[in-house]
C-alpha atoms as a PDB file:
ATOM      1  CA  LEU A   1       0.000   0.000   0.000  1.00  0.00           C
ATOM      2  CA  THR A   2       1.095   3.539  -0.647  1.00  0.00           C
ATOM      3  CA  LYS A   3       1.105   6.269   2.003  1.00  0.00           C
ATOM      4  CA  ASN A   4      -2.360   7.259   0.761  1.00  0.00           C
ATOM      5  CA  GLY A   5      -3.679   3.738   1.438  1.00  0.00           C
ATOM      6  CA  LYS A   6      -3.900   2.818  -2.253  1.00  0.00           C
ATOM      7  CA  ILE A   7      -2.548  -0.350  -3.794  1.00  0.00           C
ATOM      8  CA  ASN A   8       0.998   0.046  -5.105  1.00  0.00           C
ATOM      9  CA  SER A   9       0.584  -1.632  -8.490  1.00  0.00           C
ATOM     10  CA  HIS A  10       4.349  -1.520  -9.247  1.00  0.00           C
ATOM     11  CA  ALA A  11       5.227  -3.359  -6.010  1.00  0.00           C
ATOM     12  CA  LEU A  12       2.366  -5.799  -6.568  1.00  0.00           C
ATOM     13  CA  LYS A  13       3.582  -6.581 -10.110  1.00  0.00           C
ATOM     14  CA  ARG A  14       7.158  -7.049  -8.814  1.00  0.00           C
ATOM     15  CA  GLU A  15       6.042  -9.524  -6.120  1.00  0.00           C
ATOM     16  CA  GLU A  16       3.661 -11.493  -8.370  1.00  0.00           C
ATOM     17  CA  LYS A  17       6.575 -13.209 -10.098  1.00  0.00           C
ATOM     18  CA  PHE A  18       7.138 -15.190  -6.882  1.00  0.00           C
ATOM     19  CA  ASP A  19       3.495 -16.282  -6.425  1.00  0.00           C
ATOM     20  CA  GLY A  20       3.230 -20.045  -6.046  1.00  0.00           C
ATOM     21  CA  ILE A  21       6.977 -20.553  -5.579  1.00  0.00           C
ATOM     22  CA  SER A  22       8.300 -22.257  -2.460  1.00  0.00           C
ATOM     23  CA  CYS A  23      11.901 -22.629  -1.346  1.00  0.00           C
ATOM     24  CA  VAL A  24      12.983 -25.599   0.719  1.00  0.00           C
ATOM     25  CA  PHE A  25      16.397 -25.536   2.389  1.00  0.00           C
ATOM     26  CA  THR A  26      18.132 -28.536   3.883  1.00  0.00           C
ATOM     27  CA  ASN A  27      21.507 -29.290   5.390  1.00  0.00           C
ATOM     28  CA  GLY A  28      21.245 -32.966   4.407  1.00  0.00           C
ATOM     29  CA  LYS A  29      22.466 -34.598   1.224  1.00  0.00           C
ATOM     30  CA  PHE A  30      19.238 -35.389  -0.562  1.00  0.00           C
ATOM     31  CA  SER A  31      18.267 -35.346  -4.208  1.00  0.00           C
ATOM     32  CA  ARG A  32      15.659 -32.838  -5.394  1.00  0.00           C
ATOM     33  CA  GLU A  33      13.147 -35.656  -5.785  1.00  0.00           C
ATOM     34  CA  GLU A  34      13.738 -36.851  -2.196  1.00  0.00           C
ATOM     35  CA  ILE A  35      13.336 -33.318  -0.827  1.00  0.00           C
ATOM     36  CA  VAL A  36      10.065 -32.760  -2.696  1.00  0.00           C
ATOM     37  CA  SER A  37       8.800 -36.188  -1.602  1.00  0.00           C
ATOM     38  CA  MET A  38       9.659 -35.476   2.057  1.00  0.00           C
ATOM     39  CA  TYR A  39       8.033 -32.044   1.886  1.00  0.00           C
ATOM     40  CA  PHE A  40       4.747 -33.395   0.535  1.00  0.00           C
ATOM     41  CA  GLY A  41       4.925 -36.379   2.897  1.00  0.00           C
ATOM     42  CA  LYS A  42       5.035 -33.917   5.793  1.00  0.00           C
ATOM     43  CA  ASP A  43       1.955 -32.229   4.408  1.00  0.00           C
ATOM     44  CA  ILE A  44       0.049 -35.535   4.379  1.00  0.00           C
ATOM     45  CA  ILE A  45       0.956 -36.204   8.028  1.00  0.00           C
ATOM     46  CA  GLU A  46      -0.020 -32.672   9.088  1.00  0.00           C
ATOM     47  CA  LYS A  47      -3.393 -33.008   7.325  1.00  0.00           C
ATOM     48  CA  SER A  48      -3.921 -36.372   9.028  1.00  0.00           C
ATOM     49  CA  PHE A  49      -3.363 -34.854  12.475  1.00  0.00           C
ATOM     50  CA  GLN A  50      -5.594 -31.891  11.601  1.00  0.00           C
ATOM     51  CA  SER A  51      -8.285 -34.353  10.585  1.00  0.00           C
ATOM     52  CA  VAL A  52      -8.009 -36.345  13.817  1.00  0.00           C
ATOM     53  CA  LYS A  53      -7.835 -33.269  16.014  1.00  0.00           C
ATOM     54  CA  GLY A  54     -10.896 -31.797  14.310  1.00  0.00           C
ATOM     55  CA  THR A  55     -13.040 -34.924  14.397  1.00  0.00           C
ATOM     56  CA  LEU A  56     -12.093 -35.955  17.922  1.00  0.00           C
ATOM     57  CA  SER A  57     -11.967 -32.355  19.187  1.00  0.00           C
ATOM     58  CA  LEU A  58      -8.467 -32.926  20.576  1.00  0.00           C
ATOM     59  CA  ARG A  59      -6.775 -29.961  22.202  1.00  0.00           C
ATOM     60  CA  PRO A  60      -3.091 -29.412  22.948  1.00  0.00           C
ATOM     61  CA  ILE A  61      -1.988 -31.514  25.896  1.00  0.00           C
ATOM     62  CA  ARG A  62       1.134 -30.761  27.914  1.00  0.00           C
ATOM     63  CA  MET A  63       3.064 -33.937  28.673  1.00  0.00           C
ATOM     64  CA  TRP A  64       6.562 -34.537  29.955  1.00  0.00           C
ATOM     65  CA  LEU A  65       6.806 -38.273  30.586  1.00  0.00           C
ATOM     66  CA  GLU A  66       7.814 -40.364  27.579  1.00  0.00           C
ATOM     67  CA  GLU A  67       5.142 -42.985  28.223  1.00  0.00           C
ATOM     68  CA  SER A  68       2.451 -40.282  28.345  1.00  0.00           C
ATOM     69  CA  VAL A  69       3.636 -38.827  25.046  1.00  0.00           C
ATOM     70  CA  ASN A  70       3.722 -42.306  23.486  1.00  0.00           C
ATOM     71  CA  ALA A  71       0.222 -43.049  24.790  1.00  0.00           C
ATOM     72  CA  HIS A  72      -1.103 -39.772  23.353  1.00  0.00           C
ATOM     73  CA  ILE A  73       0.461 -40.487  19.944  1.00  0.00           C
ATOM     74  CA  PHE A  74      -0.993 -44.012  20.023  1.00  0.00           C
ATOM     75  CA  ILE A  75      -4.494 -42.672  20.792  1.00  0.00           C
ATOM     76  CA  CYS A  76      -4.182 -40.178  17.899  1.00  0.00           C
ATOM     77  CA  TYR A  77      -2.964 -42.940  15.590  1.00  0.00           C
ATOM     78  CA  LEU A  78      -5.780 -45.256  16.672  1.00  0.00           C
ATOM     79  CA  GLY A  79      -8.345 -42.487  16.128  1.00  0.00           C
ATOM     80  CA  TYR A  80      -6.961 -41.756  12.684  1.00  0.00           C
ATOM     81  CA  THR A  81      -6.969 -45.464  11.801  1.00  0.00           C
ATOM     82  CA  LEU A  82     -10.622 -45.787  12.811  1.00  0.00           C
ATOM     83  CA  GLN A  83     -11.503 -42.601  10.945  1.00  0.00           C
ATOM     84  CA  THR A  84      -9.746 -43.841   7.796  1.00  0.00           C
ATOM     85  CA  THR A  85     -11.457 -47.233   8.085  1.00  0.00           C
ATOM     86  CA  LEU A  86     -14.881 -45.589   8.392  1.00  0.00           C
ATOM     87  CA  ARG A  87     -14.067 -43.372   5.378  1.00  0.00           C
ATOM     88  CA  PHE A  88     -13.197 -46.516   3.390  1.00  0.00           C
ATOM     89  CA  PHE A  89     -16.458 -48.293   4.322  1.00  0.00           C
ATOM     90  CA  LEU A  90     -18.527 -45.192   3.493  1.00  0.00           C
ATOM     91  CA  TYR A  91     -16.778 -44.824   0.138  1.00  0.00           C
ATOM     92  CA  LYS A  92     -17.201 -48.530  -0.660  1.00  0.00           C
ATOM     93  CA  SER A  93     -20.950 -48.384   0.012  1.00  0.00           C
ATOM     94  CA  ARG A  94     -21.615 -45.383  -2.266  1.00  0.00           C
ATOM     95  CA  GLY A  95     -23.822 -46.136  -5.230  1.00  0.00           C
ATOM     96  CA  LYS A  96     -24.908 -49.540  -3.878  1.00  0.00           C
ATOM     97  CA  PRO A  97     -28.610 -50.316  -3.483  1.00  0.00           C
ATOM     98  CA  GLY A  98     -29.862 -49.534   0.021  1.00  0.00           C
ATOM     99  CA  PHE A  99     -27.071 -47.050   0.764  1.00  0.00           C
ATOM    100  CA  SER A 100     -28.365 -43.926  -0.999  1.00  0.00           C
ATOM    101  CA  GLU A 101     -28.450 -42.124   2.380  1.00  0.00           C
ATOM    102  CA  LEU A 102     -24.633 -42.263   2.419  1.00  0.00           C
ATOM    103  CA  ASP A 103     -23.869 -40.731  -0.981  1.00  0.00           C
ATOM    104  CA  ASP A 104     -22.877 -37.388   0.523  1.00  0.00           C
ATOM    105  CA  VAL A 105     -21.978 -38.334   4.126  1.00  0.00           C
ATOM    106  CA  SER A 106     -18.524 -37.365   5.390  1.00  0.00           C
ATOM    107  CA  VAL A 107     -16.751 -39.171   8.226  1.00  0.00           C
ATOM    108  CA  CYS A 108     -17.483 -36.275  10.585  1.00  0.00           C
ATOM    109  CA  GLU A 109     -21.178 -36.321   9.672  1.00  0.00           C
ATOM    110  CA  ALA A 110     -21.309 -40.106  10.121  1.00  0.00           C
ATOM    111  CA  LEU A 111     -19.751 -39.869  13.582  1.00  0.00           C
ATOM    112  CA  GLU A 112     -22.135 -37.079  14.579  1.00  0.00           C
ATOM    113  CA  GLU A 113     -25.052 -39.143  13.282  1.00  0.00           C
ATOM    114  CA  LEU A 114     -23.949 -42.132  15.393  1.00  0.00           C
ATOM    115  CA  ALA A 115     -23.300 -40.108  18.551  1.00  0.00           C
ATOM    116  CA  ASP A 116     -26.652 -41.095  20.106  1.00  0.00           C
ATOM    117  CA  VAL A 117     -26.547 -44.771  19.121  1.00  0.00           C
ATOM    118  CA  TYR A 118     -26.095 -47.265  21.913  1.00  0.00           C
ATOM    119  CA  ARG A 119     -26.827 -50.866  22.778  1.00  0.00           C
ATOM    120  CA  ILE A 120     -28.347 -52.086  26.048  1.00  0.00           C
ATOM    121  CA  TYR A 121     -27.104 -55.433  27.386  1.00  0.00           C
ATOM    122  CA  PHE A 122     -29.067 -57.717  29.700  1.00  0.00           C
ATOM    123  CA  HIS A 123     -27.405 -60.609  31.531  1.00  0.00           C
ATOM    124  CA  ARG A 124     -29.178 -63.634  32.924  1.00  0.00           C
ATOM    125  CA  GLU A 125     -27.420 -65.384  35.773  1.00  0.00           C
ATOM    126  CA  GLY A 126     -27.036 -69.116  36.226  1.00  0.00           C
ATOM    127  CA  ILE A 127     -26.080 -70.177  32.716  1.00  0.00           C
ATOM    128  CA  GLN A 128     -22.279 -70.103  32.558  1.00  0.00           C
ATOM    129  CA  GLY A 129     -20.530 -70.281  29.173  1.00  0.00           C
ATOM    130  CA  ASN A 130     -23.752 -70.136  27.209  1.00  0.00           C
ATOM    131  CA  GLU A 131     -24.388 -67.361  24.688  1.00  0.00           C
ATOM    132  CA  ASN A 132     -28.078 -67.376  25.615  1.00  0.00           C
ATOM    133  CA  ASN A 133     -27.395 -65.765  28.991  1.00  0.00           C
ATOM    134  CA  GLN A 134     -26.883 -62.420  27.276  1.00  0.00           C
ATOM    135  CA  LEU A 135     -29.549 -60.375  25.518  1.00  0.00           C
ATOM    136  CA  TYR A 136     -29.136 -56.971  23.965  1.00  0.00           C
ATOM    137  CA  LYS A 137     -31.276 -54.299  22.394  1.00  0.00           C
ATOM    138  CA  LEU A 138     -29.988 -51.677  19.975  1.00  0.00           C
ATOM    139  CA  VAL A 139     -31.785 -48.344  20.255  1.00  0.00           C
ATOM    140  CA  THR A 140     -34.121 -47.566  17.369  1.00  0.00           C
ATOM    141  CA  LEU A 141     -32.073 -46.297  14.437  1.00  0.00           C
ATOM    142  CA  ASN A 142     -33.045 -43.836  11.756  1.00  0.00           C
ATOM    143  CA  LYS A 143     -32.383 -44.832   8.106  1.00  0.00           C
ATOM    144  CA  ARG A 144     -29.102 -42.933   7.908  1.00  0.00           C
ATOM    145  CA  GLN A 145     -27.737 -44.438  11.147  1.00  0.00           C
ATOM    146  CA  GLU A 146     -28.692 -47.919  10.005  1.00  0.00           C
ATOM    147  CA  ALA A 147     -27.033 -47.393   6.616  1.00  0.00           C
ATOM    148  CA  ILE A 148     -23.791 -46.188   8.272  1.00  0.00           C
ATOM    149  CA  LEU A 149     -23.662 -49.231  10.559  1.00  0.00           C
ATOM    150  CA  ARG A 150     -24.522 -51.588   7.691  1.00  0.00           C
ATOM    151  CA  ALA A 151     -21.744 -50.022   5.586  1.00  0.00           C
ATOM    152  CA  VAL A 152     -19.266 -51.163   8.243  1.00  0.00           C
ATOM    153  CA  SER A 153     -20.871 -54.554   8.972  1.00  0.00           C
ATOM    154  CA  GLU A 154     -24.342 -56.070   8.713  1.00  0.00           C
ATOM    155  CA  LYS A 155     -23.733 -57.657  12.144  1.00  0.00           C
ATOM    156  CA  LEU A 156     -23.883 -54.240  13.787  1.00  0.00           C
ATOM    157  CA  VAL A 157     -27.608 -53.864  13.078  1.00  0.00           C
ATOM    158  CA  LEU A 158     -28.754 -57.372  14.047  1.00  0.00           C
END
């Protein structure tokens, strides 16, 4: 901007030649291809953590003990793995008969949709080692919730 608050078109034109150009410096002995690959690999990891932090509403946690840090990283990794698995099942079900409710559902929307789903278990005493001593009831599902669960496994809605 100029002193008058107007756009300095000469300075803007001069700077435009660098638009879209990035410089990566390293003190290691890597080929150009390796440097570019590492740079974009970093971007994938950062987007993965952003995805997990957003979906799981994770906030920064201050940790000092190595086992606490390792546990936190494991929880993030596990969350991302589950999120990726759900994304795969949702994608795989798209376009199939009976799954039209999922054509535009994101992982975040699916998780929000399933937030109120739960199963009630009843146990009968006296019959040890028999599957019949346990009964369960899944809460009533709407069509979208049922389709999400069926996309993962039909057994989830039985």
